[in-house]
Amino acid sequence: MRLAMALGSLVLVALSVGLAACSRGAESFPSFVYATSSSLESFRAAASLPHEVMNGVPCYCGCKSSTPPHQSLHDCFYNADGSYATHAAGCDLCGRIAVDTRNEFVKSTPLRQIRELIDTTYSSYGPGTDTPPVGE
């Protein structure tokens, strides 16, 4: 009985240590991402998406006029060197597009349909980025 309790305790400790290590490694965002809960949620959504998906989705926040101009939602979250960009941390619209994109992606919605949904939902906010069309 004591052996079973001791083994059970060891398993719980091992699980706790493992979970703590996983949660520390899971989030390695720069400090500006943690400014608001919506910023954190949007960066988590963006980080969960393949870059080709982020590059296939336009943004409608006006970032097309940024210097340099953004070409897709990817540019709102990532700098050219692959580091996280500050732009989306302060832009609610970028965040909403990223979360909607992630929500569709996890349902296995094809990129073409995700793009159509984003275009339909957000094109009224302003001109979109010059994101190339999604291939067949």
C-alpha atoms as a PDB file:
ATOM      1  CA  MET A   1       0.000   0.000   0.000  1.00  0.00           C
ATOM      2  CA  ARG A   2       2.800   2.414   0.914  1.00  0.00           C
ATOM      3  CA  LEU A   3       4.618   1.511  -2.292  1.00  0.00           C
ATOM      4  CA  ALA A   4       1.512   2.272  -4.366  1.00  0.00           C
ATOM      5  CA  MET A   5       1.069   5.633  -2.620  1.00  0.00           C
ATOM      6  CA  ALA A   6       4.745   6.480  -3.099  1.00  0.00           C
ATOM      7  CA  LEU A   7       4.577   5.600  -6.796  1.00  0.00           C
ATOM      8  CA  GLY A   8       1.396   7.614  -7.175  1.00  0.00           C
ATOM      9  CA  SER A   9       3.071  10.624  -5.566  1.00  0.00           C
ATOM     10  CA  LEU A  10       6.068  10.302  -7.869  1.00  0.00           C
ATOM     11  CA  VAL A  11       3.817  10.187 -10.902  1.00  0.00           C
ATOM     12  CA  LEU A  12       1.996  13.350  -9.779  1.00  0.00           C
ATOM     13  CA  VAL A  13       5.282  15.176  -9.188  1.00  0.00           C
ATOM     14  CA  ALA A  14       6.600  14.081 -12.580  1.00  0.00           C
ATOM     15  CA  LEU A  15       3.411  15.245 -14.292  1.00  0.00           C
ATOM     16  CA  SER A  16       3.515  18.585 -12.496  1.00  0.00           C
ATOM     17  CA  VAL A  17       7.128  19.186 -13.484  1.00  0.00           C
ATOM     18  CA  GLY A  18       6.405  18.152 -17.061  1.00  0.00           C
ATOM     19  CA  LEU A  19       3.373  20.418 -17.345  1.00  0.00           C
ATOM     20  CA  ALA A  20       5.261  23.359 -15.870  1.00  0.00           C
ATOM     21  CA  ALA A  21       8.084  22.862 -18.364  1.00  0.00           C
ATOM     22  CA  CYS A  22       5.628  22.628 -21.264  1.00  0.00           C
ATOM     23  CA  SER A  23       3.764  25.769 -20.289  1.00  0.00           C
ATOM     24  CA  ARG A  24       6.997  27.755 -19.959  1.00  0.00           C
ATOM     25  CA  GLY A  25       8.176  26.690 -23.404  1.00  0.00           C
ATOM     26  CA  ALA A  26       4.800  27.198 -25.057  1.00  0.00           C
ATOM     27  CA  GLU A  27       4.851  30.972 -24.842  1.00  0.00           C
ATOM     28  CA  SER A  28       7.922  32.797 -25.957  1.00  0.00           C
ATOM     29  CA  PHE A  29       6.418  36.064 -27.117  1.00  0.00           C
ATOM     30  CA  PRO A  30       8.012  39.490 -26.635  1.00  0.00           C
ATOM     31  CA  SER A  31       6.627  41.570 -23.772  1.00  0.00           C
ATOM     32  CA  PHE A  32       4.499  43.828 -26.018  1.00  0.00           C
ATOM     33  CA  VAL A  33       2.293  40.836 -26.889  1.00  0.00           C
ATOM     34  CA  TYR A  34       1.129  40.553 -23.259  1.00  0.00           C
ATOM     35  CA  ALA A  35      -0.212  44.148 -23.141  1.00  0.00           C
ATOM     36  CA  THR A  36      -3.835  42.973 -23.457  1.00  0.00           C
ATOM     37  CA  SER A  37      -5.631  39.649 -23.420  1.00  0.00           C
ATOM     38  CA  SER A  38      -6.874  40.227 -26.977  1.00  0.00           C
ATOM     39  CA  SER A  39      -3.316  40.866 -28.180  1.00  0.00           C
ATOM     40  CA  LEU A  40      -2.142  37.652 -26.554  1.00  0.00           C
ATOM     41  CA  GLU A  41      -5.038  35.701 -28.065  1.00  0.00           C
ATOM     42  CA  SER A  42      -4.334  37.068 -31.534  1.00  0.00           C
ATOM     43  CA  PHE A  43      -0.610  36.265 -31.347  1.00  0.00           C
ATOM     44  CA  ARG A  44      -1.403  32.765 -30.134  1.00  0.00           C
ATOM     45  CA  ALA A  45      -3.735  32.377 -33.111  1.00  0.00           C
ATOM     46  CA  ALA A  46      -1.131  33.707 -35.559  1.00  0.00           C
ATOM     47  CA  ALA A  47       1.627  31.538 -34.103  1.00  0.00           C
ATOM     48  CA  SER A  48      -0.544  28.441 -34.506  1.00  0.00           C
ATOM     49  CA  LEU A  49      -1.002  29.008 -38.235  1.00  0.00           C
ATOM     50  CA  PRO A  50       1.405  27.923 -40.970  1.00  0.00           C
ATOM     51  CA  HIS A  51       3.111  30.866 -42.636  1.00  0.00           C
ATOM     52  CA  GLU A  52       1.558  29.949 -45.994  1.00  0.00           C
ATOM     53  CA  VAL A  53      -1.894  30.432 -44.480  1.00  0.00           C
ATOM     54  CA  MET A  54      -0.937  33.803 -42.970  1.00  0.00           C
ATOM     55  CA  ASN A  55       0.537  34.821 -46.343  1.00  0.00           C
ATOM     56  CA  GLY A  56      -2.694  33.834 -48.118  1.00  0.00           C
ATOM     57  CA  VAL A  57      -4.982  36.014 -45.994  1.00  0.00           C
ATOM     58  CA  PRO A  58      -5.288  39.777 -46.503  1.00  0.00           C
ATOM     59  CA  CYS A  59      -5.616  42.376 -43.780  1.00  0.00           C
ATOM     60  CA  TYR A  60      -8.087  45.244 -43.920  1.00  0.00           C
ATOM     61  CA  CYS A  61      -6.799  47.536 -41.163  1.00  0.00           C
ATOM     62  CA  GLY A  62      -5.072  50.009 -43.482  1.00  0.00           C
ATOM     63  CA  CYS A  63      -1.622  48.453 -43.097  1.00  0.00           C
ATOM     64  CA  LYS A  64      -1.370  48.468 -46.881  1.00  0.00           C
ATOM     65  CA  SER A  65      -0.246  52.080 -46.333  1.00  0.00           C
ATOM     66  CA  SER A  66       2.470  51.132 -43.814  1.00  0.00           C
ATOM     67  CA  THR A  67       6.131  51.588 -44.595  1.00  0.00           C
ATOM     68  CA  PRO A  68       6.921  49.130 -46.008  1.00  0.00           C
ATOM     69  CA  PRO A  69       3.415  48.210 -47.158  1.00  0.00           C
ATOM     70  CA  HIS A  70       2.031  44.992 -45.733  1.00  0.00           C
ATOM     71  CA  GLN A  71       1.281  42.303 -48.302  1.00  0.00           C
ATOM     72  CA  SER A  72      -0.826  40.018 -46.091  1.00  0.00           C
ATOM     73  CA  LEU A  73      -1.870  39.307 -42.513  1.00  0.00           C
ATOM     74  CA  HIS A  74       1.538  37.673 -42.036  1.00  0.00           C
ATOM     75  CA  ASP A  75       3.232  41.088 -42.170  1.00  0.00           C
ATOM     76  CA  CYS A  76       1.044  42.384 -39.326  1.00  0.00           C
ATOM     77  CA  PHE A  77       2.474  39.745 -36.976  1.00  0.00           C
ATOM     78  CA  TYR A  78       5.975  39.069 -38.333  1.00  0.00           C
ATOM     79  CA  ASN A  79       8.906  41.248 -39.365  1.00  0.00           C
ATOM     80  CA  ALA A  80      10.955  40.358 -42.447  1.00  0.00           C
ATOM     81  CA  ASP A  81      13.541  38.640 -40.212  1.00  0.00           C
ATOM     82  CA  GLY A  82      10.851  36.349 -38.723  1.00  0.00           C
ATOM     83  CA  SER A  83      10.649  38.108 -35.359  1.00  0.00           C
ATOM     84  CA  TYR A  84       7.288  39.223 -34.020  1.00  0.00           C
ATOM     85  CA  ALA A  85       6.091  42.634 -35.220  1.00  0.00           C
ATOM     86  CA  THR A  86       4.535  45.200 -32.890  1.00  0.00           C
ATOM     87  CA  HIS A  87       1.843  46.227 -35.390  1.00  0.00           C
ATOM     88  CA  ALA A  88      -0.768  43.582 -34.540  1.00  0.00           C
ATOM     89  CA  ALA A  89      -0.298  44.026 -30.786  1.00  0.00           C
ATOM     90  CA  GLY A  90      -2.033  47.388 -31.072  1.00  0.00           C
ATOM     91  CA  CYS A  91      -4.500  46.576 -33.836  1.00  0.00           C
ATOM     92  CA  ASP A  92      -7.767  44.912 -32.904  1.00  0.00           C
ATOM     93  CA  LEU A  93      -8.742  44.274 -36.526  1.00  0.00           C
ATOM     94  CA  CYS A  94      -5.556  42.308 -37.294  1.00  0.00           C
ATOM     95  CA  GLY A  95      -6.230  40.261 -34.185  1.00  0.00           C
ATOM     96  CA  ARG A  96      -9.822  39.505 -35.121  1.00  0.00           C
ATOM     97  CA  ILE A  97      -8.759  38.405 -38.611  1.00  0.00           C
ATOM     98  CA  ALA A  98      -6.064  36.133 -37.152  1.00  0.00           C
ATOM     99  CA  VAL A  99      -8.483  34.542 -34.675  1.00  0.00           C
ATOM    100  CA  ASP A 100     -11.130  34.010 -37.367  1.00  0.00           C
ATOM    101  CA  THR A 101      -8.494  32.510 -39.674  1.00  0.00           C
ATOM    102  CA  ARG A 102      -7.292  30.147 -36.947  1.00  0.00           C
ATOM    103  CA  ASN A 103     -10.861  29.128 -36.067  1.00  0.00           C
ATOM    104  CA  GLU A 104     -11.517  28.144 -39.668  1.00  0.00           C
ATOM    105  CA  PHE A 105      -8.118  26.501 -40.130  1.00  0.00           C
ATOM    106  CA  VAL A 106      -8.647  24.167 -37.163  1.00  0.00           C
ATOM    107  CA  LYS A 107     -11.931  23.071 -38.763  1.00  0.00           C
ATOM    108  CA  SER A 108      -9.888  22.066 -41.849  1.00  0.00           C
ATOM    109  CA  THR A 109     -11.507  24.780 -43.961  1.00  0.00           C
ATOM    110  CA  PRO A 110      -9.526  25.114 -47.208  1.00  0.00           C
ATOM    111  CA  LEU A 111      -7.453  28.290 -47.541  1.00  0.00           C
ATOM    112  CA  ARG A 112      -9.533  29.471 -50.503  1.00  0.00           C
ATOM    113  CA  GLN A 113     -12.695  29.385 -48.348  1.00  0.00           C
ATOM    114  CA  ILE A 114     -10.930  31.018 -45.404  1.00  0.00           C
ATOM    115  CA  ARG A 115      -9.851  33.794 -47.746  1.00  0.00           C
ATOM    116  CA  GLU A 116     -13.410  34.244 -49.041  1.00  0.00           C
ATOM    117  CA  LEU A 117     -14.756  34.399 -45.486  1.00  0.00           C
ATOM    118  CA  ILE A 118     -12.170  37.000 -44.446  1.00  0.00           C
ATOM    119  CA  ASP A 119     -12.795  39.064 -47.596  1.00  0.00           C
ATOM    120  CA  THR A 120     -16.565  38.977 -47.069  1.00  0.00           C
ATOM    121  CA  THR A 121     -16.372  39.731 -43.357  1.00  0.00           C
ATOM    122  CA  TYR A 122     -13.742  42.473 -43.348  1.00  0.00           C
ATOM    123  CA  SER A 123     -13.598  44.165 -46.777  1.00  0.00           C
ATOM    124  CA  SER A 124     -16.020  46.860 -45.591  1.00  0.00           C
ATOM    125  CA  TYR A 125     -13.371  48.109 -43.129  1.00  0.00           C
ATOM    126  CA  GLY A 126     -11.164  49.496 -45.898  1.00  0.00           C
ATOM    127  CA  PRO A 127      -8.810  48.499 -48.653  1.00  0.00           C
ATOM    128  CA  GLY A 128      -7.129  45.158 -48.157  1.00  0.00           C
ATOM    129  CA  THR A 129      -3.491  44.333 -48.568  1.00  0.00           C
ATOM    130  CA  ASP A 130      -2.282  43.311 -52.028  1.00  0.00           C
ATOM    131  CA  THR A 131      -2.342  39.634 -51.095  1.00  0.00           C
ATOM    132  CA  PRO A 132      -2.010  37.406 -54.162  1.00  0.00           C
ATOM    133  CA  PRO A 133      -5.030  35.207 -54.924  1.00  0.00           C
ATOM    134  CA  VAL A 134      -5.077  31.735 -53.420  1.00  0.00           C
ATOM    135  CA  GLY A 135      -4.213  29.072 -56.017  1.00  0.00           C
ATOM    136  CA  GLU A 136      -6.615  26.361 -57.059  1.00  0.00           C
END
